[in-house]
Amino acid sequence: MRSLLEQQYAALADWLDEVPVSAHLVEPVGLGDWTVRELVAHLGLGIGLARYVVAAPPGAVPLSLGDYVRAYPPAADQIAGMTREISAEFGEDLVGGFRRTAGEAFAALDRLDAEVYQARRGPITREDFLMTRLLELVVHGDDLQRALGRADAPLLPGAVVAVSCALTVAYQERAGVSPPWGGLDWIRRAAGRVADNDPALPLL
């Protein structure tokens, strides 16, 4: 998972430079009043949070991935505020800021020798935490390509499959059955990007 996370980050960062995303920063992305600027900054925030996780206390019971991401909506205002802060920190070099923050995050992860992390929303296994970071890259990479009217964001097949499977497990925990979708379509539904009358959705 660690290797896949870095591969997806690198592919997405290169694509942001190739677009170039710097020519589209004021365009809306369909997530409240956020623009492309805020969404790229949010990518930096998402990966950058890995700099602050620590080993969980002995005996800590990790949350499931589904329970962990369920804490996102109630924290929406806090997340938006942190996104604005990191956007200001990155200034005009958003992709450069994303790259620097990711480099620091991967270095921090490699120094942390623990199977259970204490993260912002509670204790979580190492693999599930890495999955939450991969989920951020895939969901928001897809948000960006749709906001820019493109379909070429490098969402790695392995990353899409991994995130789709993780969200399937989260859905099964909540609904008691498997979802009738898979792949990127399922990820969009699970993330609330596609409207659905399923009371178990969205998952985050």
N, C-alpha and C. Protein backbone atom coordinates (compact mmCIF):
# COMPACT_ATOMS: atom_id res chain seq x y z
N MET A 1 0.82 -1.21 0.00
CA MET A 1 0.00 0.00 0.00
C MET A 1 0.86 1.27 0.00
N ARG A 2 1.96 1.22 0.74
CA ARG A 2 2.86 2.38 0.79
C ARG A 2 3.38 2.71 -0.61
N SER A 3 3.79 1.70 -1.35
CA SER A 3 4.33 1.91 -2.69
C SER A 3 3.24 2.42 -3.63
N LEU A 4 2.05 1.85 -3.57
CA LEU A 4 0.96 2.28 -4.44
C LEU A 4 0.57 3.72 -4.15
N LEU A 5 0.56 4.09 -2.88
CA LEU A 5 0.24 5.46 -2.51
C LEU A 5 1.22 6.44 -3.13
N GLU A 6 2.51 6.13 -3.06
CA GLU A 6 3.51 7.04 -3.63
C GLU A 6 3.41 7.08 -5.15
N GLN A 7 3.15 5.95 -5.76
CA GLN A 7 3.01 5.92 -7.22
C GLN A 7 1.82 6.77 -7.67
N GLN A 8 0.70 6.66 -6.96
CA GLN A 8 -0.48 7.45 -7.34
C GLN A 8 -0.23 8.94 -7.12
N TYR A 9 0.41 9.27 -6.02
CA TYR A 9 0.75 10.67 -5.77
C TYR A 9 1.62 11.22 -6.90
N ALA A 10 2.69 10.50 -7.26
CA ALA A 10 3.63 10.99 -8.25
C ALA A 10 2.96 11.16 -9.61
N ALA A 11 2.13 10.20 -9.99
CA ALA A 11 1.43 10.29 -11.27
C ALA A 11 0.50 11.49 -11.30
N LEU A 12 -0.19 11.73 -10.21
CA LEU A 12 -1.13 12.85 -10.15
C LEU A 12 -0.39 14.18 -10.14
N ALA A 13 0.70 14.28 -9.40
CA ALA A 13 1.48 15.51 -9.36
C ALA A 13 2.03 15.85 -10.73
N ASP A 14 2.54 14.86 -11.44
CA ASP A 14 3.05 15.10 -12.80
C ASP A 14 1.93 15.58 -13.72
N TRP A 15 0.76 14.99 -13.59
CA TRP A 15 -0.38 15.39 -14.43
C TRP A 15 -0.79 16.84 -14.15
N LEU A 16 -0.77 17.24 -12.88
CA LEU A 16 -1.13 18.61 -12.53
C LEU A 16 -0.20 19.61 -13.20
N ASP A 17 1.07 19.25 -13.30
CA ASP A 17 2.03 20.11 -14.00
C ASP A 17 1.78 20.10 -15.51
N GLU A 18 1.43 18.95 -16.05
CA GLU A 18 1.24 18.83 -17.49
C GLU A 18 -0.01 19.56 -17.97
N VAL A 19 -1.04 19.67 -17.14
CA VAL A 19 -2.33 20.23 -17.58
C VAL A 19 -2.19 21.59 -18.27
N PRO A 20 -1.53 22.65 -17.74
CA PRO A 20 -1.07 22.82 -16.37
C PRO A 20 -2.22 23.33 -15.50
N VAL A 21 -2.30 22.84 -14.29
CA VAL A 21 -3.40 23.23 -13.41
C VAL A 21 -3.30 24.70 -13.01
N SER A 22 -2.11 25.27 -13.10
CA SER A 22 -1.92 26.68 -12.72
C SER A 22 -2.72 27.63 -13.61
N ALA A 23 -3.16 27.16 -14.78
CA ALA A 23 -3.95 28.00 -15.69
C ALA A 23 -5.44 27.92 -15.40
N HIS A 24 -5.83 27.15 -14.38
CA HIS A 24 -7.25 26.91 -14.12
C HIS A 24 -7.63 27.13 -12.66
N LEU A 25 -6.84 27.85 -11.91
CA LEU A 25 -7.00 27.90 -10.46
C LEU A 25 -8.31 28.50 -9.98
N VAL A 26 -8.93 29.37 -10.76
CA VAL A 26 -10.16 30.04 -10.30
C VAL A 26 -11.42 29.30 -10.76
N GLU A 27 -11.28 28.20 -11.48
CA GLU A 27 -12.45 27.48 -11.96
C GLU A 27 -13.11 26.71 -10.82
N PRO A 28 -14.45 26.70 -10.77
CA PRO A 28 -15.15 25.97 -9.71
C PRO A 28 -15.03 24.46 -9.90
N VAL A 29 -15.15 23.73 -8.80
CA VAL A 29 -15.02 22.27 -8.88
C VAL A 29 -16.30 21.54 -8.46
N GLY A 30 -17.35 22.30 -8.13
CA GLY A 30 -18.60 21.66 -7.77
C GLY A 30 -18.66 21.14 -6.35
N LEU A 31 -17.75 21.62 -5.50
CA LEU A 31 -17.74 21.24 -4.08
C LEU A 31 -17.90 22.52 -3.27
N GLY A 32 -19.13 22.93 -3.08
CA GLY A 32 -19.37 24.21 -2.41
C GLY A 32 -18.79 25.35 -3.22
N ASP A 33 -18.09 26.25 -2.53
CA ASP A 33 -17.48 27.39 -3.24
C ASP A 33 -16.01 27.16 -3.56
N TRP A 34 -15.56 25.92 -3.46
CA TRP A 34 -14.16 25.63 -3.75
C TRP A 34 -13.86 25.78 -5.23
N THR A 35 -12.65 26.25 -5.49
CA THR A 35 -12.13 26.32 -6.85
C THR A 35 -11.03 25.27 -7.01
N VAL A 36 -10.47 25.23 -8.20
CA VAL A 36 -9.35 24.31 -8.43
C VAL A 36 -8.22 24.60 -7.44
N ARG A 37 -8.00 25.87 -7.13
CA ARG A 37 -6.95 26.22 -6.17
C ARG A 37 -7.16 25.49 -4.84
N GLU A 38 -8.37 25.57 -4.30
CA GLU A 38 -8.64 24.93 -3.01
C GLU A 38 -8.50 23.41 -3.11
N LEU A 39 -8.92 22.85 -4.22
CA LEU A 39 -8.87 21.40 -4.33
C LEU A 39 -7.44 20.88 -4.43
N VAL A 40 -6.59 21.60 -5.16
CA VAL A 40 -5.18 21.19 -5.21
C VAL A 40 -4.54 21.35 -3.83
N ALA A 41 -4.86 22.45 -3.16
CA ALA A 41 -4.34 22.65 -1.80
C ALA A 41 -4.83 21.53 -0.88
N HIS A 42 -6.07 21.11 -1.09
CA HIS A 42 -6.62 20.04 -0.26
C HIS A 42 -5.89 18.72 -0.48
N LEU A 43 -5.43 18.48 -1.71
CA LEU A 43 -4.59 17.31 -1.95
C LEU A 43 -3.34 17.36 -1.07
N GLY A 44 -2.75 18.54 -0.98
CA GLY A 44 -1.58 18.72 -0.13
C GLY A 44 -1.92 18.49 1.33
N LEU A 45 -3.08 18.99 1.75
CA LEU A 45 -3.51 18.78 3.13
C LEU A 45 -3.68 17.29 3.40
N GLY A 46 -4.34 16.60 2.48
CA GLY A 46 -4.64 15.18 2.70
C GLY A 46 -3.39 14.34 2.88
N ILE A 47 -2.44 14.49 1.99
CA ILE A 47 -1.21 13.71 2.11
C ILE A 47 -0.36 14.23 3.25
N GLY A 48 -0.43 15.55 3.49
CA GLY A 48 0.40 16.16 4.52
C GLY A 48 0.03 15.77 5.93
N LEU A 49 -1.20 15.34 6.15
CA LEU A 49 -1.60 14.93 7.49
C LEU A 49 -0.80 13.73 7.98
N ALA A 50 -0.21 12.99 7.05
CA ALA A 50 0.62 11.85 7.44
C ALA A 50 1.85 12.29 8.24
N ARG A 51 2.19 13.57 8.17
CA ARG A 51 3.35 14.06 8.93
C ARG A 51 3.09 14.07 10.42
N TYR A 52 1.82 14.01 10.82
CA TYR A 52 1.47 14.22 12.22
C TYR A 52 0.94 12.99 12.93
N VAL A 53 0.82 11.87 12.24
CA VAL A 53 0.38 10.66 12.93
C VAL A 53 1.51 10.13 13.81
N VAL A 54 1.11 9.47 14.87
CA VAL A 54 2.08 8.88 15.81
C VAL A 54 1.61 7.46 16.12
N ALA A 55 2.44 6.73 16.83
CA ALA A 55 2.04 5.39 17.25
C ALA A 55 0.89 5.50 18.25
N ALA A 56 -0.12 4.68 18.07
CA ALA A 56 -1.25 4.68 19.00
C ALA A 56 -0.81 4.12 20.35
N PRO A 57 -1.47 4.53 21.44
CA PRO A 57 -1.13 3.98 22.76
C PRO A 57 -1.36 2.48 22.80
N PRO A 58 -0.63 1.76 23.62
CA PRO A 58 -0.85 0.31 23.74
C PRO A 58 -2.30 0.01 24.08
N GLY A 59 -2.85 -0.98 23.42
CA GLY A 59 -4.23 -1.38 23.69
C GLY A 59 -5.28 -0.59 22.94
N ALA A 60 -4.88 0.42 22.17
CA ALA A 60 -5.85 1.21 21.42
C ALA A 60 -6.55 0.32 20.40
N VAL A 61 -7.85 0.44 20.33
CA VAL A 61 -8.64 -0.35 19.38
C VAL A 61 -8.86 0.47 18.11
N PRO A 62 -8.29 0.04 17.01
CA PRO A 62 -8.41 0.84 15.79
C PRO A 62 -9.82 0.89 15.23
N LEU A 63 -10.18 2.04 14.71
CA LEU A 63 -11.43 2.19 13.99
C LEU A 63 -11.34 1.45 12.66
N SER A 64 -12.46 0.99 12.16
CA SER A 64 -12.48 0.47 10.80
C SER A 64 -12.34 1.65 9.85
N LEU A 65 -11.97 1.37 8.62
CA LEU A 65 -11.87 2.45 7.64
C LEU A 65 -13.21 3.15 7.47
N GLY A 66 -14.31 2.37 7.47
CA GLY A 66 -15.63 2.97 7.33
C GLY A 66 -15.96 3.92 8.45
N ASP A 67 -15.65 3.53 9.69
CA ASP A 67 -15.91 4.42 10.83
C ASP A 67 -15.01 5.64 10.79
N TYR A 68 -13.78 5.45 10.32
CA TYR A 68 -12.85 6.58 10.26
C TYR A 68 -13.34 7.64 9.29
N VAL A 69 -13.70 7.23 8.08
CA VAL A 69 -14.12 8.23 7.08
C VAL A 69 -15.50 8.79 7.41
N ARG A 70 -16.28 8.10 8.24
CA ARG A 70 -17.58 8.62 8.65
C ARG A 70 -17.43 9.91 9.47
N ALA A 71 -16.24 10.12 10.03
CA ALA A 71 -15.99 11.32 10.82
C ALA A 71 -15.67 12.53 9.94
N TYR A 72 -15.54 12.35 8.63
CA TYR A 72 -15.21 13.48 7.76
C TYR A 72 -16.32 14.53 7.68
N PRO A 73 -17.58 14.16 7.37
CA PRO A 73 -18.62 15.19 7.21
C PRO A 73 -18.80 16.11 8.43
N PRO A 74 -18.82 15.58 9.66
CA PRO A 74 -18.97 16.49 10.80
C PRO A 74 -17.79 17.47 10.96
N ALA A 75 -16.65 17.13 10.36
CA ALA A 75 -15.47 17.99 10.46
C ALA A 75 -15.29 18.86 9.23
N ALA A 76 -16.33 19.01 8.42
CA ALA A 76 -16.21 19.72 7.14
C ALA A 76 -15.71 21.15 7.31
N ASP A 77 -16.20 21.86 8.31
CA ASP A 77 -15.78 23.26 8.50
C ASP A 77 -14.30 23.33 8.89
N GLN A 78 -13.88 22.42 9.76
CA GLN A 78 -12.48 22.38 10.16
C GLN A 78 -11.59 22.06 8.96
N ILE A 79 -12.00 21.09 8.16
CA ILE A 79 -11.23 20.71 6.98
C ILE A 79 -11.13 21.86 6.00
N ALA A 80 -12.24 22.59 5.80
CA ALA A 80 -12.23 23.73 4.89
C ALA A 80 -11.27 24.82 5.38
N GLY A 81 -11.28 25.05 6.69
CA GLY A 81 -10.36 26.05 7.25
C GLY A 81 -8.91 25.66 7.07
N MET A 82 -8.60 24.41 7.30
CA MET A 82 -7.23 23.93 7.12
C MET A 82 -6.82 23.99 5.66
N THR A 83 -7.76 23.74 4.76
CA THR A 83 -7.47 23.82 3.33
C THR A 83 -7.13 25.25 2.94
N ARG A 84 -7.87 26.21 3.46
CA ARG A 84 -7.57 27.62 3.16
C ARG A 84 -6.19 28.00 3.68
N GLU A 85 -5.84 27.50 4.85
CA GLU A 85 -4.54 27.81 5.43
C GLU A 85 -3.40 27.26 4.57
N ILE A 86 -3.53 26.02 4.12
CA ILE A 86 -2.45 25.43 3.34
C ILE A 86 -2.41 26.04 1.94
N SER A 87 -3.56 26.48 1.43
CA SER A 87 -3.58 27.18 0.14
C SER A 87 -2.77 28.47 0.24
N ALA A 88 -2.94 29.20 1.33
CA ALA A 88 -2.18 30.43 1.54
C ALA A 88 -0.70 30.12 1.71
N GLU A 89 -0.40 29.02 2.39
CA GLU A 89 1.00 28.62 2.60
C GLU A 89 1.68 28.27 1.29
N PHE A 90 0.97 27.58 0.41
CA PHE A 90 1.55 27.19 -0.88
C PHE A 90 1.71 28.37 -1.82
N GLY A 91 0.87 29.39 -1.67
CA GLY A 91 0.98 30.56 -2.54
C GLY A 91 0.70 30.22 -3.99
N GLU A 92 1.53 30.75 -4.88
CA GLU A 92 1.31 30.52 -6.31
C GLU A 92 1.88 29.19 -6.80
N ASP A 93 2.71 28.56 -6.00
CA ASP A 93 3.31 27.30 -6.42
C ASP A 93 2.57 26.13 -5.77
N LEU A 94 1.33 25.93 -6.18
CA LEU A 94 0.51 24.92 -5.54
C LEU A 94 1.05 23.50 -5.75
N VAL A 95 1.43 23.18 -6.96
CA VAL A 95 1.91 21.83 -7.22
C VAL A 95 3.25 21.61 -6.53
N GLY A 96 4.09 22.64 -6.51
CA GLY A 96 5.35 22.53 -5.78
C GLY A 96 5.10 22.31 -4.30
N GLY A 97 4.10 23.01 -3.75
CA GLY A 97 3.74 22.82 -2.35
C GLY A 97 3.24 21.41 -2.09
N PHE A 98 2.44 20.91 -3.01
CA PHE A 98 1.93 19.54 -2.92
C PHE A 98 3.10 18.55 -2.90
N ARG A 99 4.06 18.76 -3.79
CA ARG A 99 5.21 17.85 -3.86
C ARG A 99 6.04 17.92 -2.58
N ARG A 100 6.31 19.11 -2.09
CA ARG A 100 7.14 19.24 -0.88
C ARG A 100 6.45 18.59 0.32
N THR A 101 5.16 18.84 0.45
CA THR A 101 4.40 18.29 1.56
C THR A 101 4.37 16.76 1.49
N ALA A 102 4.18 16.24 0.28
CA ALA A 102 4.16 14.79 0.12
C ALA A 102 5.52 14.18 0.47
N GLY A 103 6.59 14.83 0.06
CA GLY A 103 7.92 14.32 0.40
C GLY A 103 8.12 14.24 1.90
N GLU A 104 7.68 15.27 2.62
CA GLU A 104 7.78 15.27 4.08
C GLU A 104 6.90 14.17 4.67
N ALA A 105 5.72 13.97 4.08
CA ALA A 105 4.79 12.96 4.59
C ALA A 105 5.36 11.55 4.43
N PHE A 106 5.91 11.26 3.28
CA PHE A 106 6.45 9.92 3.06
C PHE A 106 7.65 9.66 3.97
N ALA A 107 8.46 10.68 4.19
CA ALA A 107 9.60 10.53 5.10
C ALA A 107 9.11 10.25 6.52
N ALA A 108 8.04 10.94 6.94
CA ALA A 108 7.49 10.73 8.27
C ALA A 108 6.92 9.32 8.41
N LEU A 109 6.22 8.86 7.39
CA LEU A 109 5.66 7.51 7.42
C LEU A 109 6.76 6.45 7.53
N ASP A 110 7.85 6.67 6.82
CA ASP A 110 8.94 5.69 6.84
C ASP A 110 9.66 5.65 8.18
N ARG A 111 9.56 6.73 8.94
CA ARG A 111 10.18 6.75 10.28
C ARG A 111 9.30 6.13 11.35
N LEU A 112 8.02 6.00 11.06
CA LEU A 112 7.06 5.56 12.08
C LEU A 112 6.90 4.05 12.04
N ASP A 113 7.40 3.39 13.07
CA ASP A 113 7.35 1.93 13.15
C ASP A 113 6.22 1.53 14.09
N ALA A 114 5.03 1.40 13.55
CA ALA A 114 3.87 1.03 14.35
C ALA A 114 2.83 0.39 13.44
N GLU A 115 2.09 -0.55 13.98
CA GLU A 115 1.01 -1.19 13.22
C GLU A 115 -0.31 -0.47 13.39
N VAL A 116 -0.45 0.29 14.49
CA VAL A 116 -1.65 1.09 14.73
C VAL A 116 -1.22 2.53 14.94
N TYR A 117 -1.82 3.42 14.18
CA TYR A 117 -1.50 4.84 14.27
C TYR A 117 -2.57 5.58 15.08
N GLN A 118 -2.13 6.65 15.71
CA GLN A 118 -3.08 7.60 16.29
C GLN A 118 -3.16 8.76 15.30
N ALA A 119 -4.25 8.83 14.56
CA ALA A 119 -4.44 9.85 13.54
C ALA A 119 -5.47 10.87 14.00
N ARG A 120 -5.78 11.80 13.14
CA ARG A 120 -6.65 12.93 13.53
C ARG A 120 -8.02 12.48 13.99
N ARG A 121 -8.58 11.45 13.36
CA ARG A 121 -9.95 11.02 13.69
C ARG A 121 -9.99 9.86 14.68
N GLY A 122 -8.81 9.40 15.15
CA GLY A 122 -8.77 8.31 16.11
C GLY A 122 -7.74 7.27 15.72
N PRO A 123 -7.64 6.17 16.48
CA PRO A 123 -6.67 5.12 16.15
C PRO A 123 -7.12 4.37 14.90
N ILE A 124 -6.17 3.97 14.09
CA ILE A 124 -6.46 3.28 12.84
C ILE A 124 -5.23 2.46 12.46
N THR A 125 -5.43 1.30 11.86
CA THR A 125 -4.27 0.50 11.47
C THR A 125 -3.45 1.23 10.41
N ARG A 126 -2.19 0.87 10.34
CA ARG A 126 -1.31 1.48 9.35
C ARG A 126 -1.87 1.34 7.94
N GLU A 127 -2.29 0.13 7.57
CA GLU A 127 -2.78 -0.10 6.22
C GLU A 127 -4.05 0.69 5.94
N ASP A 128 -4.94 0.77 6.91
CA ASP A 128 -6.17 1.54 6.69
C ASP A 128 -5.88 3.03 6.60
N PHE A 129 -4.91 3.52 7.38
CA PHE A 129 -4.55 4.94 7.26
C PHE A 129 -4.00 5.23 5.88
N LEU A 130 -3.10 4.38 5.40
CA LEU A 130 -2.56 4.58 4.06
C LEU A 130 -3.68 4.54 3.02
N MET A 131 -4.67 3.69 3.25
CA MET A 131 -5.80 3.63 2.33
C MET A 131 -6.59 4.94 2.34
N THR A 132 -6.75 5.55 3.51
CA THR A 132 -7.47 6.83 3.54
C THR A 132 -6.73 7.88 2.73
N ARG A 133 -5.40 7.84 2.73
CA ARG A 133 -4.63 8.81 1.94
C ARG A 133 -4.77 8.51 0.45
N LEU A 134 -4.79 7.22 0.09
CA LEU A 134 -4.98 6.84 -1.31
C LEU A 134 -6.37 7.24 -1.78
N LEU A 135 -7.35 7.03 -0.92
CA LEU A 135 -8.72 7.41 -1.24
C LEU A 135 -8.80 8.90 -1.57
N GLU A 136 -8.12 9.73 -0.79
CA GLU A 136 -8.13 11.17 -1.04
C GLU A 136 -7.57 11.47 -2.43
N LEU A 137 -6.48 10.83 -2.80
CA LEU A 137 -5.87 11.10 -4.09
C LEU A 137 -6.78 10.67 -5.24
N VAL A 138 -7.40 9.52 -5.11
CA VAL A 138 -8.25 9.02 -6.19
C VAL A 138 -9.53 9.85 -6.31
N VAL A 139 -10.20 10.08 -5.20
CA VAL A 139 -11.46 10.84 -5.24
C VAL A 139 -11.23 12.26 -5.76
N HIS A 140 -10.21 12.93 -5.22
CA HIS A 140 -10.01 14.33 -5.62
C HIS A 140 -9.29 14.45 -6.96
N GLY A 141 -8.51 13.45 -7.34
CA GLY A 141 -7.96 13.44 -8.69
C GLY A 141 -9.09 13.35 -9.70
N ASP A 142 -10.09 12.53 -9.40
CA ASP A 142 -11.26 12.43 -10.27
C ASP A 142 -12.07 13.72 -10.25
N ASP A 143 -12.21 14.33 -9.08
CA ASP A 143 -12.90 15.63 -9.00
C ASP A 143 -12.24 16.64 -9.92
N LEU A 144 -10.92 16.67 -9.92
CA LEU A 144 -10.20 17.65 -10.73
C LEU A 144 -10.38 17.40 -12.21
N GLN A 145 -10.30 16.15 -12.63
CA GLN A 145 -10.44 15.90 -14.06
C GLN A 145 -11.84 16.25 -14.54
N ARG A 146 -12.85 16.01 -13.73
CA ARG A 146 -14.21 16.35 -14.14
C ARG A 146 -14.41 17.86 -14.12
N ALA A 147 -13.83 18.55 -13.14
CA ALA A 147 -13.95 20.01 -13.08
C ALA A 147 -13.28 20.67 -14.28
N LEU A 148 -12.21 20.06 -14.76
CA LEU A 148 -11.46 20.61 -15.89
C LEU A 148 -11.98 20.10 -17.23
N GLY A 149 -13.03 19.29 -17.21
CA GLY A 149 -13.58 18.76 -18.45
C GLY A 149 -12.65 17.79 -19.15
N ARG A 150 -11.90 17.03 -18.35
CA ARG A 150 -10.94 16.09 -18.91
C ARG A 150 -11.28 14.67 -18.44
N ALA A 151 -10.62 13.71 -19.03
CA ALA A 151 -10.82 12.31 -18.63
C ALA A 151 -9.48 11.58 -18.63
N ASP A 152 -8.40 12.34 -18.41
CA ASP A 152 -7.07 11.74 -18.53
C ASP A 152 -6.25 11.78 -17.25
N ALA A 153 -6.89 12.06 -16.13
CA ALA A 153 -6.14 12.04 -14.87
C ALA A 153 -5.59 10.63 -14.65
N PRO A 154 -4.33 10.50 -14.27
CA PRO A 154 -3.71 9.18 -14.13
C PRO A 154 -4.13 8.50 -12.83
N LEU A 155 -5.38 8.04 -12.81
CA LEU A 155 -5.84 7.26 -11.67
C LEU A 155 -5.43 5.82 -11.93
N LEU A 156 -4.41 5.38 -11.22
CA LEU A 156 -3.81 4.08 -11.50
C LEU A 156 -4.83 2.96 -11.30
N PRO A 157 -4.89 2.01 -12.21
CA PRO A 157 -5.86 0.92 -12.07
C PRO A 157 -5.79 0.23 -10.71
N GLY A 158 -4.57 0.00 -10.22
CA GLY A 158 -4.44 -0.64 -8.91
C GLY A 158 -4.99 0.21 -7.79
N ALA A 159 -4.85 1.53 -7.91
CA ALA A 159 -5.37 2.44 -6.89
C ALA A 159 -6.89 2.46 -6.92
N VAL A 160 -7.46 2.50 -8.13
CA VAL A 160 -8.92 2.50 -8.26
C VAL A 160 -9.51 1.21 -7.69
N VAL A 161 -8.90 0.08 -8.00
CA VAL A 161 -9.38 -1.20 -7.49
C VAL A 161 -9.28 -1.24 -5.97
N ALA A 162 -8.15 -0.80 -5.43
CA ALA A 162 -7.96 -0.84 -3.97
C ALA A 162 -8.97 0.04 -3.25
N VAL A 163 -9.19 1.25 -3.76
CA VAL A 163 -10.14 2.15 -3.12
C VAL A 163 -11.57 1.62 -3.26
N SER A 164 -11.91 1.11 -4.45
CA SER A 164 -13.24 0.54 -4.66
C SER A 164 -13.50 -0.61 -3.69
N CYS A 165 -12.52 -1.47 -3.50
CA CYS A 165 -12.68 -2.61 -2.59
C CYS A 165 -12.81 -2.15 -1.14
N ALA A 166 -12.02 -1.16 -0.75
CA ALA A 166 -12.09 -0.65 0.62
C ALA A 166 -13.45 -0.03 0.91
N LEU A 167 -13.99 0.71 -0.06
CA LEU A 167 -15.30 1.32 0.12
C LEU A 167 -16.41 0.28 0.09
N THR A 168 -16.19 -0.82 -0.62
CA THR A 168 -17.15 -1.91 -0.61
C THR A 168 -17.25 -2.52 0.78
N VAL A 169 -16.11 -2.72 1.43
CA VAL A 169 -16.10 -3.24 2.80
C VAL A 169 -16.80 -2.27 3.75
N ALA A 170 -16.53 -0.97 3.59
CA ALA A 170 -17.17 0.04 4.43
C ALA A 170 -18.69 0.03 4.22
N TYR A 171 -19.12 -0.16 2.98
CA TYR A 171 -20.55 -0.21 2.69
C TYR A 171 -21.18 -1.46 3.31
N GLN A 172 -20.48 -2.59 3.21
CA GLN A 172 -20.99 -3.82 3.79
C GLN A 172 -21.17 -3.68 5.30
N GLU A 173 -20.25 -3.00 5.96
CA GLU A 173 -20.37 -2.77 7.40
C GLU A 173 -21.61 -1.96 7.72
N ARG A 174 -21.93 -1.01 6.86
CA ARG A 174 -23.05 -0.10 7.13
C ARG A 174 -24.38 -0.68 6.67
N ALA A 175 -24.41 -1.28 5.49
CA ALA A 175 -25.68 -1.71 4.90
C ALA A 175 -25.96 -3.21 5.06
N GLY A 176 -24.93 -3.98 5.35
CA GLY A 176 -25.12 -5.42 5.53
C GLY A 176 -25.15 -6.21 4.25
N VAL A 177 -24.98 -5.54 3.12
CA VAL A 177 -24.95 -6.21 1.81
C VAL A 177 -23.85 -5.59 0.98
N SER A 178 -23.52 -6.21 -0.15
CA SER A 178 -22.52 -5.65 -1.05
C SER A 178 -23.18 -4.65 -2.00
N PRO A 179 -22.47 -3.61 -2.40
CA PRO A 179 -23.03 -2.65 -3.35
C PRO A 179 -23.11 -3.27 -4.74
N PRO A 180 -24.08 -2.82 -5.55
CA PRO A 180 -24.21 -3.38 -6.90
C PRO A 180 -23.32 -2.69 -7.93
N TRP A 181 -22.30 -1.98 -7.45
CA TRP A 181 -21.41 -1.26 -8.36
C TRP A 181 -19.96 -1.60 -8.02
N GLY A 182 -19.06 -1.15 -8.88
CA GLY A 182 -17.64 -1.31 -8.64
C GLY A 182 -16.88 -0.26 -9.41
N GLY A 183 -15.58 -0.22 -9.20
CA GLY A 183 -14.73 0.69 -9.94
C GLY A 183 -14.99 2.16 -9.66
N LEU A 184 -14.68 3.00 -10.63
CA LEU A 184 -14.77 4.45 -10.44
C LEU A 184 -16.21 4.91 -10.26
N ASP A 185 -17.16 4.26 -10.93
CA ASP A 185 -18.57 4.62 -10.74
C ASP A 185 -18.97 4.43 -9.29
N TRP A 186 -18.53 3.33 -8.69
CA TRP A 186 -18.85 3.07 -7.29
C TRP A 186 -18.17 4.09 -6.38
N ILE A 187 -16.92 4.42 -6.67
CA ILE A 187 -16.21 5.40 -5.86
C ILE A 187 -16.95 6.74 -5.88
N ARG A 188 -17.43 7.14 -7.06
CA ARG A 188 -18.17 8.40 -7.17
C ARG A 188 -19.46 8.36 -6.34
N ARG A 189 -20.16 7.25 -6.37
CA ARG A 189 -21.38 7.13 -5.56
C ARG A 189 -21.05 7.13 -4.08
N ALA A 190 -20.03 6.37 -3.70
CA ALA A 190 -19.66 6.29 -2.28
C ALA A 190 -19.22 7.64 -1.73
N ALA A 191 -18.60 8.46 -2.59
CA ALA A 191 -18.11 9.77 -2.17
C ALA A 191 -19.16 10.86 -2.34
N GLY A 192 -20.35 10.51 -2.82
CA GLY A 192 -21.41 11.49 -2.97
C GLY A 192 -21.30 12.34 -4.22
N ARG A 193 -20.47 11.90 -5.17
CA ARG A 193 -20.32 12.66 -6.41
C ARG A 193 -21.42 12.34 -7.40
N VAL A 194 -22.06 11.19 -7.23
CA VAL A 194 -23.21 10.80 -8.03
C VAL A 194 -24.38 10.61 -7.07
N ALA A 195 -25.49 11.29 -7.34
CA ALA A 195 -26.64 11.21 -6.45
C ALA A 195 -27.21 9.80 -6.42
N ASP A 196 -27.63 9.37 -5.24
CA ASP A 196 -28.18 8.03 -5.10
C ASP A 196 -29.16 8.08 -3.94
N ASN A 197 -30.28 7.34 -4.07
CA ASN A 197 -31.27 7.34 -3.00
C ASN A 197 -31.03 6.26 -1.96
N ASP A 198 -29.89 5.59 -2.04
CA ASP A 198 -29.52 4.57 -1.06
C ASP A 198 -29.27 5.28 0.28
N PRO A 199 -29.99 4.90 1.35
CA PRO A 199 -29.81 5.59 2.64
C PRO A 199 -28.45 5.36 3.27
N ALA A 200 -27.69 4.37 2.79
CA ALA A 200 -26.35 4.11 3.32
C ALA A 200 -25.29 4.99 2.67
N LEU A 201 -25.68 5.75 1.65
CA LEU A 201 -24.73 6.59 0.93
C LEU A 201 -25.02 8.07 1.18
N PRO A 202 -24.00 8.93 1.06
CA PRO A 202 -22.59 8.61 0.79
C PRO A 202 -21.89 8.07 2.04
N LEU A 203 -20.74 7.48 1.82
CA LEU A 203 -19.98 6.91 2.92
C LEU A 203 -19.06 7.92 3.58
N LEU A 204 -18.76 9.03 2.88
CA LEU A 204 -17.82 10.03 3.41
C LEU A 204 -18.22 11.41 2.93
